[in-house]
N, C-alpha and C. Protein backbone atom coordinates (compact mmCIF):
# COMPACT_ATOMS: atom_id res chain seq x y z
N UNK A 1 86.81 93.59 126.65
CA UNK A 1 86.67 93.04 125.57
C UNK A 1 86.63 94.18 124.62
N UNK A 2 85.94 95.34 124.78
CA UNK A 2 85.99 96.00 123.54
C UNK A 2 87.01 97.13 123.48
N UNK A 3 87.81 97.10 124.61
CA UNK A 3 89.33 97.50 124.23
C UNK A 3 90.08 96.69 123.37
N UNK A 4 90.29 95.41 123.61
CA UNK A 4 90.86 94.44 122.89
C UNK A 4 90.47 94.47 121.54
N UNK A 5 89.24 94.60 121.11
CA UNK A 5 88.58 94.67 119.93
C UNK A 5 88.96 96.03 119.11
N UNK A 6 89.12 96.97 119.71
CA UNK A 6 89.55 98.41 119.18
C UNK A 6 91.07 98.33 119.00
N UNK A 7 92.00 97.66 120.01
CA UNK A 7 93.16 97.34 119.84
C UNK A 7 93.24 96.34 118.41
N UNK A 8 92.49 95.45 118.27
CA UNK A 8 92.71 94.64 117.13
C UNK A 8 92.66 95.28 115.88
N UNK A 9 91.47 96.06 115.76
CA UNK A 9 91.35 96.89 114.35
C UNK A 9 92.40 98.02 114.28
N UNK A 10 92.72 98.89 115.06
CA UNK A 10 93.91 99.90 114.63
C UNK A 10 95.30 99.06 114.45
N UNK A 11 95.39 97.90 115.50
CA UNK A 11 96.63 97.11 114.99
C UNK A 11 96.98 96.68 113.57
N UNK A 12 95.61 95.89 113.28
CA UNK A 12 95.89 95.04 112.06
C UNK A 12 95.79 96.30 110.66
N UNK A 13 95.23 97.21 111.10
CA UNK A 13 94.95 98.38 110.01
C UNK A 13 96.13 99.22 109.97
N UNK A 14 97.05 99.13 110.90
CA UNK A 14 98.59 99.72 110.99
C UNK A 14 99.61 98.77 109.95
N UNK A 15 99.01 97.45 109.97
CA UNK A 15 100.09 96.56 109.25
C UNK A 15 99.84 95.92 108.11
N UNK A 16 98.45 95.23 107.73
CA UNK A 16 97.92 94.89 106.39
C UNK A 16 98.09 95.86 105.21
N UNK A 17 97.64 96.93 105.65
CA UNK A 17 97.52 97.90 104.37
C UNK A 17 99.04 98.27 103.92
N UNK A 18 99.58 98.54 105.35
CA UNK A 18 100.88 98.95 105.11
C UNK A 18 101.74 97.86 104.05
N UNK A 19 101.67 96.81 104.48
CA UNK A 19 102.23 95.55 103.69
C UNK A 19 101.98 95.54 102.20
N UNK A 20 100.58 95.81 101.91
CA UNK A 20 100.32 95.88 100.52
C UNK A 20 101.09 97.36 99.69
N UNK A 21 101.31 98.27 100.46
CA UNK A 21 101.82 99.40 99.93
C UNK A 21 103.49 99.37 100.05
N UNK A 22 104.14 98.43 100.82
CA UNK A 22 105.43 98.41 101.04
C UNK A 22 106.04 98.43 99.77
N UNK A 23 105.98 97.46 98.79
CA UNK A 23 106.90 97.38 97.72
C UNK A 23 106.77 98.65 96.81
N UNK A 24 105.63 99.35 96.84
CA UNK A 24 105.77 100.50 96.10
C UNK A 24 106.32 101.67 96.75
N UNK A 25 106.22 101.38 98.02
CA UNK A 25 107.00 102.67 98.84
C UNK A 25 108.49 102.55 98.34
N UNK A 26 108.93 101.27 98.35
CA UNK A 26 110.43 101.21 98.34
C UNK A 26 110.74 101.55 96.86
N UNK A 27 109.92 101.35 96.07
CA UNK A 27 110.48 101.67 94.51
C UNK A 27 110.41 103.14 94.41
N UNK A 28 109.13 103.76 95.12
CA UNK A 28 109.14 105.16 94.62
C UNK A 28 110.09 106.03 95.60
N UNK A 29 110.37 105.52 96.89
CA UNK A 29 111.14 106.45 97.74
C UNK A 29 112.51 106.11 97.63
N UNK A 30 112.98 104.88 97.61
CA UNK A 30 114.33 104.52 97.83
C UNK A 30 114.87 103.75 96.36
N UNK A 31 113.99 104.16 95.38
CA UNK A 31 114.41 103.65 94.06
C UNK A 31 115.07 102.21 93.96
N UNK A 32 114.27 101.28 94.61
CA UNK A 32 114.82 100.03 94.31
C UNK A 32 114.01 99.44 93.16
N UNK A 33 114.48 98.37 92.64
CA UNK A 33 113.88 97.64 91.49
C UNK A 33 112.76 96.97 92.16
N UNK A 34 111.63 96.48 91.41
CA UNK A 34 110.38 95.84 91.93
C UNK A 34 111.07 94.45 92.50
N UNK A 35 111.82 93.85 91.91
CA UNK A 35 112.30 92.58 92.47
C UNK A 35 112.47 92.97 93.84
N UNK A 36 113.74 93.61 94.01
CA UNK A 36 114.34 94.06 95.32
C UNK A 36 113.50 94.66 96.15
N UNK A 37 112.27 95.38 96.12
CA UNK A 37 111.47 95.93 96.87
C UNK A 37 110.44 94.92 97.13
N UNK A 38 110.09 94.04 96.52
CA UNK A 38 109.37 92.70 97.00
C UNK A 38 109.99 91.83 97.69
N UNK A 39 111.39 91.70 97.29
CA UNK A 39 112.11 90.78 98.44
C UNK A 39 112.33 91.59 100.02
N UNK A 40 112.50 92.66 99.81
CA UNK A 40 112.90 93.69 101.13
C UNK A 40 111.32 93.60 101.79
N UNK A 41 110.22 93.80 101.28
CA UNK A 41 109.08 93.86 101.80
C UNK A 41 108.78 92.33 102.59
N UNK A 42 109.11 91.47 102.07
CA UNK A 42 108.86 90.05 102.38
C UNK A 42 109.60 89.75 103.80
N UNK A 43 110.53 90.80 104.34
CA UNK A 43 111.13 90.64 105.40
C UNK A 43 109.97 90.94 106.76
N UNK A 44 109.13 91.43 106.38
CA UNK A 44 108.12 91.61 107.37
C UNK A 44 107.42 90.20 107.84
N UNK A 45 107.17 89.49 106.80
CA UNK A 45 106.44 88.09 107.04
C UNK A 45 107.86 86.94 107.55
N UNK A 46 108.95 87.47 107.02
CA UNK A 46 110.06 86.44 107.85
C UNK A 46 110.23 86.89 109.25
N UNK A 47 110.19 87.98 109.47
CA UNK A 47 110.15 88.23 111.07
C UNK A 47 108.87 87.44 111.82
N UNK A 48 107.71 87.68 111.12
CA UNK A 48 106.41 87.09 111.76
C UNK A 48 106.78 85.47 112.01
N UNK A 49 107.22 84.95 110.95
CA UNK A 49 107.68 83.57 110.87
C UNK A 49 108.61 83.16 112.04
N UNK A 50 109.59 83.88 112.04
CA UNK A 50 110.70 83.74 113.07
C UNK A 50 110.14 83.55 114.51
N UNK A 51 109.45 84.73 114.95
CA UNK A 51 109.02 85.01 116.05
C UNK A 51 107.53 84.61 116.63
N UNK A 52 106.47 84.25 115.89
CA UNK A 52 105.45 84.16 116.43
C UNK A 52 105.41 82.50 117.32
N UNK A 53 105.90 81.54 116.87
CA UNK A 53 106.00 80.72 117.83
C UNK A 53 106.80 81.12 118.95
N UNK A 54 107.97 81.73 119.12
CA UNK A 54 108.58 81.97 120.09
C UNK A 54 107.68 82.90 121.21
N UNK A 55 107.16 83.91 120.62
CA UNK A 55 106.08 84.83 121.56
C UNK A 55 104.79 83.78 121.85
N UNK A 56 104.53 82.83 121.04
CA UNK A 56 103.37 82.25 121.51
C UNK A 56 103.65 81.37 122.78
N UNK A 57 104.96 80.89 122.55
CA UNK A 57 105.34 79.85 123.80
C UNK A 57 105.69 81.03 125.12
N UNK A 58 106.11 81.98 125.09
CA UNK A 58 106.50 83.01 126.08
C UNK A 58 104.86 83.39 126.79
N UNK A 59 104.06 83.39 125.90
CA UNK A 59 102.63 83.80 126.52
C UNK A 59 102.05 82.80 127.34
N UNK A 60 102.30 81.41 126.78
CA UNK A 60 101.77 80.17 127.56
C UNK A 60 102.73 80.09 128.81
N UNK A 61 103.83 80.36 128.82
CA UNK A 61 104.73 80.22 130.06
C UNK A 61 104.50 81.38 131.05
N UNK A 62 104.58 82.47 130.73
CA UNK A 62 104.71 83.61 131.36
C UNK A 62 103.17 84.58 131.32
N UNK A 63 102.59 84.67 130.46
CA UNK A 63 101.44 85.48 130.74
C UNK A 63 101.93 86.72 130.16
N UNK A 64 101.50 87.83 130.70
CA UNK A 64 101.79 89.33 130.43
C UNK A 64 101.50 89.40 129.02
N UNK A 65 100.22 89.26 128.74
CA UNK A 65 99.47 89.60 127.39
C UNK A 65 99.40 90.91 127.29
N UNK A 66 98.77 91.32 128.29
CA UNK A 66 98.51 93.28 128.11
C UNK A 66 99.91 93.75 127.64
N UNK A 67 100.83 93.74 128.16
CA UNK A 67 102.32 93.98 128.35
C UNK A 67 103.08 93.91 126.71
N UNK A 68 102.77 92.69 126.39
CA UNK A 68 103.20 92.33 125.14
C UNK A 68 102.27 93.15 124.02
N UNK A 69 100.98 93.32 124.29
CA UNK A 69 100.33 94.21 123.21
C UNK A 69 100.63 95.33 123.25
N UNK A 70 101.10 96.07 124.43
CA UNK A 70 101.72 97.50 124.48
C UNK A 70 103.02 97.63 123.57
N UNK A 71 103.71 96.55 123.87
CA UNK A 71 105.06 96.74 123.42
C UNK A 71 104.78 96.56 121.72
N UNK A 72 104.12 95.53 121.26
CA UNK A 72 103.92 95.36 119.76
C UNK A 72 103.27 96.57 119.13
N UNK A 73 102.27 97.26 119.86
CA UNK A 73 101.60 98.38 119.15
C UNK A 73 102.41 99.68 119.23
N UNK A 74 103.42 99.91 120.37
CA UNK A 74 104.42 100.82 120.22
C UNK A 74 105.39 100.36 119.46
N UNK A 75 105.88 99.48 119.01
CA UNK A 75 107.07 99.30 118.16
C UNK A 75 106.62 99.57 116.52
N UNK A 76 105.39 99.65 116.37
CA UNK A 76 104.88 100.37 114.87
C UNK A 76 105.14 101.59 114.79
N UNK A 77 105.15 102.57 115.73
CA UNK A 77 105.17 103.91 115.51
C UNK A 77 106.44 104.37 115.18
N UNK A 78 107.73 103.66 115.73
CA UNK A 78 108.88 104.51 115.35
C UNK A 78 109.09 103.98 113.82
N UNK A 79 108.78 102.50 113.67
CA UNK A 79 108.98 102.05 112.35
C UNK A 79 108.27 102.63 111.23
N UNK A 80 107.05 103.20 111.19
CA UNK A 80 106.37 103.55 110.29
C UNK A 80 107.07 104.99 110.03
N UNK A 81 107.38 105.75 111.08
CA UNK A 81 108.11 107.05 110.99
C UNK A 81 109.19 106.92 110.24
N UNK A 82 110.03 106.00 110.69
CA UNK A 82 111.53 106.07 109.94
C UNK A 82 111.47 105.53 108.67
N UNK A 83 110.07 104.61 108.12
CA UNK A 83 109.96 104.19 106.55
C UNK A 83 109.64 105.78 105.91
N UNK A 84 108.64 106.57 106.71
CA UNK A 84 108.02 107.57 105.84
C UNK A 84 109.06 108.99 106.06
N UNK A 85 109.83 108.86 106.92
CA UNK A 85 110.40 110.71 106.92
C UNK A 85 112.04 110.30 107.02
N UNK A 86 112.52 108.95 106.85
CA UNK A 86 114.06 108.87 106.81
C UNK A 86 114.46 107.98 105.90
N UNK A 87 115.78 107.98 105.42
CA UNK A 87 116.10 107.16 104.66
C UNK A 87 117.10 105.87 105.04
N UNK A 88 117.02 105.50 106.50
CA UNK A 88 117.80 104.48 107.02
C UNK A 88 117.37 103.23 105.89
N UNK A 89 118.24 102.21 106.23
CA UNK A 89 117.65 100.98 105.36
C UNK A 89 116.43 100.46 105.87
N UNK A 90 115.43 100.38 105.07
CA UNK A 90 114.11 100.07 105.18
C UNK A 90 113.72 98.60 105.54
N UNK A 91 114.80 97.89 105.44
CA UNK A 91 114.56 96.32 105.93
C UNK A 91 114.65 96.29 107.46
N UNK A 92 115.12 97.01 108.18
CA UNK A 92 115.16 97.03 109.39
C UNK A 92 113.89 97.17 110.11
N UNK A 93 113.18 98.47 109.93
CA UNK A 93 112.05 98.95 110.40
C UNK A 93 110.89 97.80 109.84
N UNK A 94 111.13 97.59 108.54
CA UNK A 94 109.99 96.31 108.02
C UNK A 94 110.04 94.78 108.75
N UNK A 95 111.15 94.63 109.19
CA UNK A 95 111.59 93.41 110.08
C UNK A 95 111.01 93.52 111.25
N UNK A 96 111.18 94.89 112.04
CA UNK A 96 110.46 95.08 113.41
C UNK A 96 109.03 94.99 113.16
N UNK A 97 108.33 95.52 112.12
CA UNK A 97 107.10 95.56 112.03
C UNK A 97 106.58 93.95 111.97
N UNK A 98 107.44 93.04 111.46
CA UNK A 98 107.12 91.68 111.79
C UNK A 98 107.00 91.16 112.84
N UNK A 99 108.29 91.45 113.73
CA UNK A 99 108.27 91.24 115.31
C UNK A 99 106.98 91.60 115.80
N UNK A 100 106.50 92.80 115.66
CA UNK A 100 105.49 93.32 116.37
C UNK A 100 104.15 92.54 115.75
N UNK A 101 103.88 91.88 114.56
CA UNK A 101 102.88 91.22 114.07
C UNK A 101 103.03 89.76 114.71
N UNK A 102 104.23 89.46 115.30
CA UNK A 102 104.30 88.22 116.18
C UNK A 102 103.60 88.52 117.64
N UNK A 103 104.13 89.54 118.10
CA UNK A 103 103.93 89.73 119.57
C UNK A 103 102.43 90.14 119.84
N UNK A 104 101.69 91.17 119.15
CA UNK A 104 100.25 91.32 119.48
C UNK A 104 99.25 90.03 118.93
N UNK A 105 99.33 89.48 118.22
CA UNK A 105 98.37 88.35 117.95
C UNK A 105 98.65 87.18 119.02
N UNK A 106 99.69 87.08 119.21
CA UNK A 106 99.96 85.99 120.10
C UNK A 106 99.47 86.03 121.35
N UNK A 107 99.36 87.55 121.98
CA UNK A 107 98.95 87.94 123.07
C UNK A 107 97.33 88.03 122.97
N UNK A 108 96.93 88.94 121.88
CA UNK A 108 95.51 89.37 121.89
C UNK A 108 94.31 88.08 121.74
N UNK A 109 95.03 87.11 120.79
CA UNK A 109 93.82 86.09 120.54
C UNK A 109 93.82 84.90 121.90
N UNK A 110 95.01 84.92 122.51
CA UNK A 110 94.84 84.06 123.51
C UNK A 110 94.26 84.75 124.73
N UNK A 111 94.13 86.06 124.74
CA UNK A 111 93.70 86.55 125.89
C UNK A 111 92.01 86.58 125.65
N UNK A 112 91.41 86.81 124.83
CA UNK A 112 90.01 86.67 124.61
C UNK A 112 89.35 85.48 125.44
N UNK A 113 89.73 84.38 125.38
CA UNK A 113 89.12 83.26 126.32
C UNK A 113 89.25 83.64 127.72
N UNK A 114 90.30 84.57 128.20
CA UNK A 114 90.31 84.76 129.46
C UNK A 114 89.32 85.72 130.12
N UNK A 115 88.66 86.52 129.31
CA UNK A 115 87.75 87.58 129.64
C UNK A 115 86.40 87.35 128.98
N UNK A 116 85.91 86.44 128.53
CA UNK A 116 84.86 85.92 127.86
C UNK A 116 84.40 84.65 128.36
N UNK A 117 83.30 84.63 128.62
CA UNK A 117 82.70 83.04 129.19
C UNK A 117 82.72 82.30 127.99
N UNK A 118 83.10 80.80 128.40
CA UNK A 118 83.02 79.92 127.13
C UNK A 118 81.86 79.97 126.51
N UNK A 119 80.70 79.80 126.89
CA UNK A 119 79.45 79.86 126.16
C UNK A 119 79.31 80.77 125.05
N UNK A 120 80.06 81.87 125.08
CA UNK A 120 80.10 83.19 124.32
C UNK A 120 81.07 83.40 123.46
N UNK A 121 82.13 82.38 123.71
CA UNK A 121 83.32 82.50 122.99
C UNK A 121 83.52 82.32 121.39
N UNK A 122 82.37 81.83 120.95
CA UNK A 122 82.50 81.73 119.34
C UNK A 122 81.86 83.22 118.92
N UNK A 123 80.90 83.77 119.68
CA UNK A 123 80.27 85.08 119.34
C UNK A 123 81.47 86.36 119.57
N UNK A 124 82.12 86.01 120.84
CA UNK A 124 83.21 87.01 120.94
C UNK A 124 84.34 86.93 119.80
N UNK A 125 84.61 85.66 119.39
CA UNK A 125 85.55 85.86 118.08
C UNK A 125 85.22 86.09 116.96
N UNK A 126 83.83 86.02 116.69
CA UNK A 126 83.19 86.32 115.67
C UNK A 126 83.14 88.21 115.62
N UNK A 127 82.94 88.66 116.73
CA UNK A 127 82.64 90.09 116.86
C UNK A 127 83.97 90.83 116.59
N UNK A 128 84.87 90.26 117.31
CA UNK A 128 86.56 90.89 117.15
C UNK A 128 86.58 90.65 115.43
N UNK A 129 86.40 89.90 114.79
CA UNK A 129 86.68 89.50 113.47
C UNK A 129 85.89 90.38 112.70
N UNK A 130 84.82 90.81 112.94
CA UNK A 130 83.84 91.66 112.20
C UNK A 130 84.68 93.02 112.18
N UNK A 131 84.78 93.47 113.42
CA UNK A 131 85.48 94.63 113.78
C UNK A 131 86.93 94.58 113.12
N UNK A 132 87.84 93.78 112.96
CA UNK A 132 88.89 93.71 112.38
C UNK A 132 88.70 94.03 110.95
N UNK A 133 87.60 93.42 110.02
CA UNK A 133 87.40 93.59 109.01
C UNK A 133 86.93 94.96 108.59
N UNK A 134 86.24 95.51 109.20
CA UNK A 134 85.81 96.89 109.10
C UNK A 134 86.75 97.77 108.80
N UNK A 135 87.88 97.55 109.72
CA UNK A 135 89.03 98.41 109.47
C UNK A 135 89.84 98.04 108.36
N UNK A 136 89.96 96.94 107.96
CA UNK A 136 90.75 96.38 106.74
C UNK A 136 89.94 96.56 105.46
N UNK A 137 88.78 96.87 105.77
CA UNK A 137 88.10 97.75 104.56
C UNK A 137 88.20 99.07 104.38
N UNK A 138 88.30 99.51 105.40
CA UNK A 138 88.25 101.24 105.39
C UNK A 138 89.33 101.84 105.21
N UNK A 139 90.53 101.18 106.02
CA UNK A 139 91.78 101.83 106.27
C UNK A 139 92.65 102.04 104.73
N UNK A 140 92.74 100.85 104.04
CA UNK A 140 93.14 100.93 102.80
C UNK A 140 92.64 101.85 101.62
N UNK A 141 91.35 102.17 101.91
CA UNK A 141 90.59 103.21 101.11
C UNK A 141 91.21 104.54 101.46
N UNK A 142 91.27 104.91 102.72
CA UNK A 142 91.85 106.08 103.03
C UNK A 142 93.23 106.14 102.85
N UNK A 143 94.30 105.07 103.09
CA UNK A 143 95.39 105.14 102.53
C UNK A 143 95.49 105.45 100.98
N UNK A 144 94.52 104.85 100.27
CA UNK A 144 94.85 105.28 98.84
C UNK A 144 94.32 106.64 98.63
N UNK A 145 93.26 107.12 99.29
CA UNK A 145 92.80 108.67 99.22
C UNK A 145 94.25 109.58 99.54
N UNK A 146 94.69 109.26 100.86
CA UNK A 146 95.99 110.06 101.02
C UNK A 146 97.11 110.23 100.00
N UNK A 147 97.41 108.69 99.58
CA UNK A 147 98.40 108.63 98.53
C UNK A 147 97.93 109.25 97.33
N UNK A 148 96.81 109.18 96.72
CA UNK A 148 96.29 109.87 95.49
C UNK A 148 96.38 111.41 95.71
N UNK A 149 96.40 112.10 97.07
CA UNK A 149 96.38 113.33 97.01
C UNK A 149 97.84 113.98 97.27
N UNK A 150 98.79 113.06 97.26
CA UNK A 150 100.22 113.30 97.37
C UNK A 150 101.16 112.75 96.01
N UNK A 151 100.09 112.48 94.93
CA UNK A 151 100.86 112.01 93.76
C UNK A 151 100.94 113.12 92.69
N UNK A 152 102.08 113.19 91.95
CA UNK A 152 102.65 114.06 91.15
C UNK A 152 102.68 113.14 89.75
N UNK A 153 103.02 113.99 88.66
CA UNK A 153 103.42 113.29 87.43
C UNK A 153 104.68 113.96 86.73
N UNK A 154 105.45 112.85 86.55
CA UNK A 154 106.86 113.37 85.69
C UNK A 154 107.03 112.85 84.58
N UNK A 155 108.00 113.54 83.76
CA UNK A 155 107.98 112.85 82.27
C UNK A 155 109.53 112.09 82.29
N UNK A 156 109.26 110.64 82.19
CA UNK A 156 110.29 109.79 81.87
C UNK A 156 110.30 109.28 80.48
N UNK A 157 111.54 109.45 79.55
CA UNK A 157 111.45 109.12 78.36
C UNK A 157 110.07 109.32 77.44
N UNK A 158 109.64 110.87 77.55
CA UNK A 158 108.50 111.37 77.04
C UNK A 158 107.19 110.77 77.64
N UNK A 159 107.16 109.77 78.64
CA UNK A 159 105.73 109.57 79.21
C UNK A 159 105.78 109.97 80.71
N UNK A 160 104.66 110.55 80.83
CA UNK A 160 104.04 110.60 82.13
C UNK A 160 103.96 109.34 83.06
N UNK A 161 104.82 109.68 84.37
CA UNK A 161 104.96 108.66 85.19
C UNK A 161 104.33 109.24 86.73
N UNK A 162 103.70 108.48 87.50
CA UNK A 162 103.31 108.69 88.72
C UNK A 162 104.15 108.77 89.62
N UNK A 163 104.37 109.80 90.25
CA UNK A 163 105.24 109.71 91.59
C UNK A 163 104.56 110.06 92.74
N UNK A 164 104.53 109.31 94.04
CA UNK A 164 103.74 109.28 94.99
C UNK A 164 104.74 109.70 96.22
N UNK A 165 104.54 110.47 97.02
CA UNK A 165 104.87 110.90 98.24
C UNK A 165 104.20 110.11 99.30
N UNK A 166 104.61 109.18 100.09
CA UNK A 166 104.01 108.11 101.03
C UNK A 166 104.10 108.82 102.50
N UNK A 167 105.00 109.95 102.73
CA UNK A 167 105.12 110.42 103.97
C UNK A 167 103.76 110.70 104.80
N UNK A 168 102.75 111.07 104.31
CA UNK A 168 101.36 111.01 105.00
C UNK A 168 100.69 109.90 105.39
N UNK A 169 100.96 108.87 104.05
CA UNK A 169 100.47 107.78 104.36
C UNK A 169 100.80 106.93 105.54
N UNK A 170 102.36 107.20 105.70
CA UNK A 170 102.96 106.29 106.44
C UNK A 170 102.68 107.00 107.89
N UNK A 171 102.34 108.52 107.98
CA UNK A 171 101.96 109.01 109.19
C UNK A 171 100.75 108.54 109.69
N UNK A 172 99.74 108.13 108.69
CA UNK A 172 98.65 107.55 109.29
C UNK A 172 98.58 106.15 109.92
N UNK A 173 99.67 105.10 109.30
CA UNK A 173 100.04 104.09 109.70
C UNK A 173 100.61 104.32 111.14
N UNK A 174 101.27 105.30 111.49
CA UNK A 174 102.15 105.63 112.81
C UNK A 174 100.73 105.94 113.84
N UNK A 175 100.03 106.75 113.53
CA UNK A 175 99.06 107.32 114.19
C UNK A 175 97.97 106.17 114.66
N UNK A 176 97.78 105.38 113.84
CA UNK A 176 97.15 103.96 114.02
C UNK A 176 97.86 103.22 115.09
N UNK A 177 99.01 102.83 115.13
CA UNK A 177 99.97 102.28 115.87
C UNK A 177 99.74 102.98 117.30
N UNK A 178 99.77 104.47 117.56
CA UNK A 178 99.68 105.17 118.68
C UNK A 178 98.22 104.82 119.19
N UNK A 179 97.20 104.84 118.46
CA UNK A 179 95.80 104.86 119.22
C UNK A 179 95.97 103.16 119.49
N UNK A 180 96.40 102.16 118.89
CA UNK A 180 96.33 100.94 119.23
C UNK A 180 97.20 100.85 120.65
N UNK A 181 98.21 101.61 120.69
CA UNK A 181 99.06 101.42 122.20
C UNK A 181 98.24 102.13 123.05
N UNK A 182 97.31 103.27 122.90
CA UNK A 182 96.30 103.94 123.89
C UNK A 182 95.57 102.74 124.35
N UNK A 183 94.70 102.16 123.43
CA UNK A 183 93.88 100.97 123.89
C UNK A 183 94.50 99.56 124.60
N UNK A 184 95.64 99.71 124.12
CA UNK A 184 96.61 98.50 124.77
C UNK A 184 96.85 99.00 126.63
N UNK A 185 96.93 100.25 126.68
CA UNK A 185 97.11 100.69 128.19
C UNK A 185 95.61 100.69 128.67
N UNK A 186 94.57 101.19 128.01
CA UNK A 186 93.46 101.18 128.63
C UNK A 186 93.02 99.66 128.91
N UNK A 187 93.21 98.70 128.11
CA UNK A 187 93.19 97.39 128.25
C UNK A 187 93.64 96.79 129.56
N UNK A 188 95.03 97.25 129.84
CA UNK A 188 95.68 96.71 130.88
C UNK A 188 95.08 97.23 132.14
N UNK A 189 94.86 98.58 131.95
CA UNK A 189 94.11 99.13 133.36
C UNK A 189 92.68 98.60 133.52
N UNK A 190 92.01 98.26 132.58
CA UNK A 190 90.57 97.52 132.62
C UNK A 190 90.80 96.37 133.38
N UNK A 191 91.92 95.39 132.66
CA UNK A 191 92.12 94.13 133.30
C UNK A 191 92.48 94.26 134.77
N UNK A 192 92.96 95.23 135.29
CA UNK A 192 93.77 95.25 136.56
C UNK A 192 92.75 95.33 137.41
N UNK A 193 91.37 95.78 137.09
CA UNK A 193 90.55 96.25 137.98
C UNK A 193 89.17 95.09 138.05
N UNK A 194 89.57 94.44 136.90
CA UNK A 194 88.58 93.23 137.10
C UNK A 194 88.25 92.55 138.39
N UNK A 195 87.62 92.32 138.92
CA UNK A 195 87.03 91.46 140.33
C UNK A 195 86.94 90.09 139.98
N UNK A 196 86.41 89.57 138.75
CA UNK A 196 86.12 88.21 138.43
C UNK A 196 86.94 87.90 137.39
N UNK A 197 87.30 86.75 137.19
CA UNK A 197 88.00 85.77 135.86
C UNK A 197 89.46 86.00 136.43
N UNK A 198 90.14 85.42 135.25
CA UNK A 198 91.44 85.48 135.50
C UNK A 198 92.21 86.73 134.82
N UNK A 199 93.27 87.42 135.20
CA UNK A 199 93.68 88.56 134.41
C UNK A 199 94.56 87.87 133.34
N UNK A 200 94.51 88.55 132.10
CA UNK A 200 95.14 88.47 130.89
C UNK A 200 96.55 88.49 131.25
N UNK A 201 97.02 89.01 132.15
CA UNK A 201 98.66 89.14 132.45
C UNK A 201 99.20 87.63 133.09
N UNK A 202 98.20 86.87 133.51
CA UNK A 202 98.54 85.63 134.52
C UNK A 202 98.75 84.45 133.32
N UNK A 203 99.34 83.64 133.90
CA UNK A 203 99.44 82.25 133.16
C UNK A 203 98.08 81.60 133.35
N UNK A 204 97.33 81.15 131.91
CA UNK A 204 96.38 80.42 131.89
C UNK A 204 96.48 79.20 132.70
N UNK A 205 95.59 79.00 133.48
CA UNK A 205 95.37 77.75 134.17
C UNK A 205 94.90 76.78 133.40
N UNK A 206 95.48 75.36 133.21
CA UNK A 206 94.62 74.50 132.31
C UNK A 206 93.30 74.17 132.80
């Protein structure tokens, strides 16, 4: 349970703060207009719209929740590094982040009832939600501090305009993905050692 809670906080902290920064990253690094940057950043949610019901169905039919969480966390690492350190079309890694945001929640939230007694299920969801929100409070602040530390000023038409290098911020998001991947491995290992209850890798029995 604690591994899945820690995976939750690291995964969501690597996605939702990035989603907030994505339009400005596209403006600052790729010189997109604000309208185009907003449209491309929305590819993240578009990917989630498409794949969330598909992965939910796959979880119900085949199980493999831990493996899906591993895959979703792993996808974040190259996506954030590609956006932060290359100039490939950013719509591709942003869309893949949306796929990851479909993979992990479909498996994660469905796994909790399989590892927690029904009498404590509400408490379990509350604890996971609390831990998740601690991360969503903390990491946007850290991302902002990192971005501020890598902000310079340039003159445009006689006015000082801030220029932000988001490479270090994107590295932080990639590291969060890596830590989430580590917790997903530990989760799968802990699940395989459980002697009671149903494995989260199995198909949930009605």
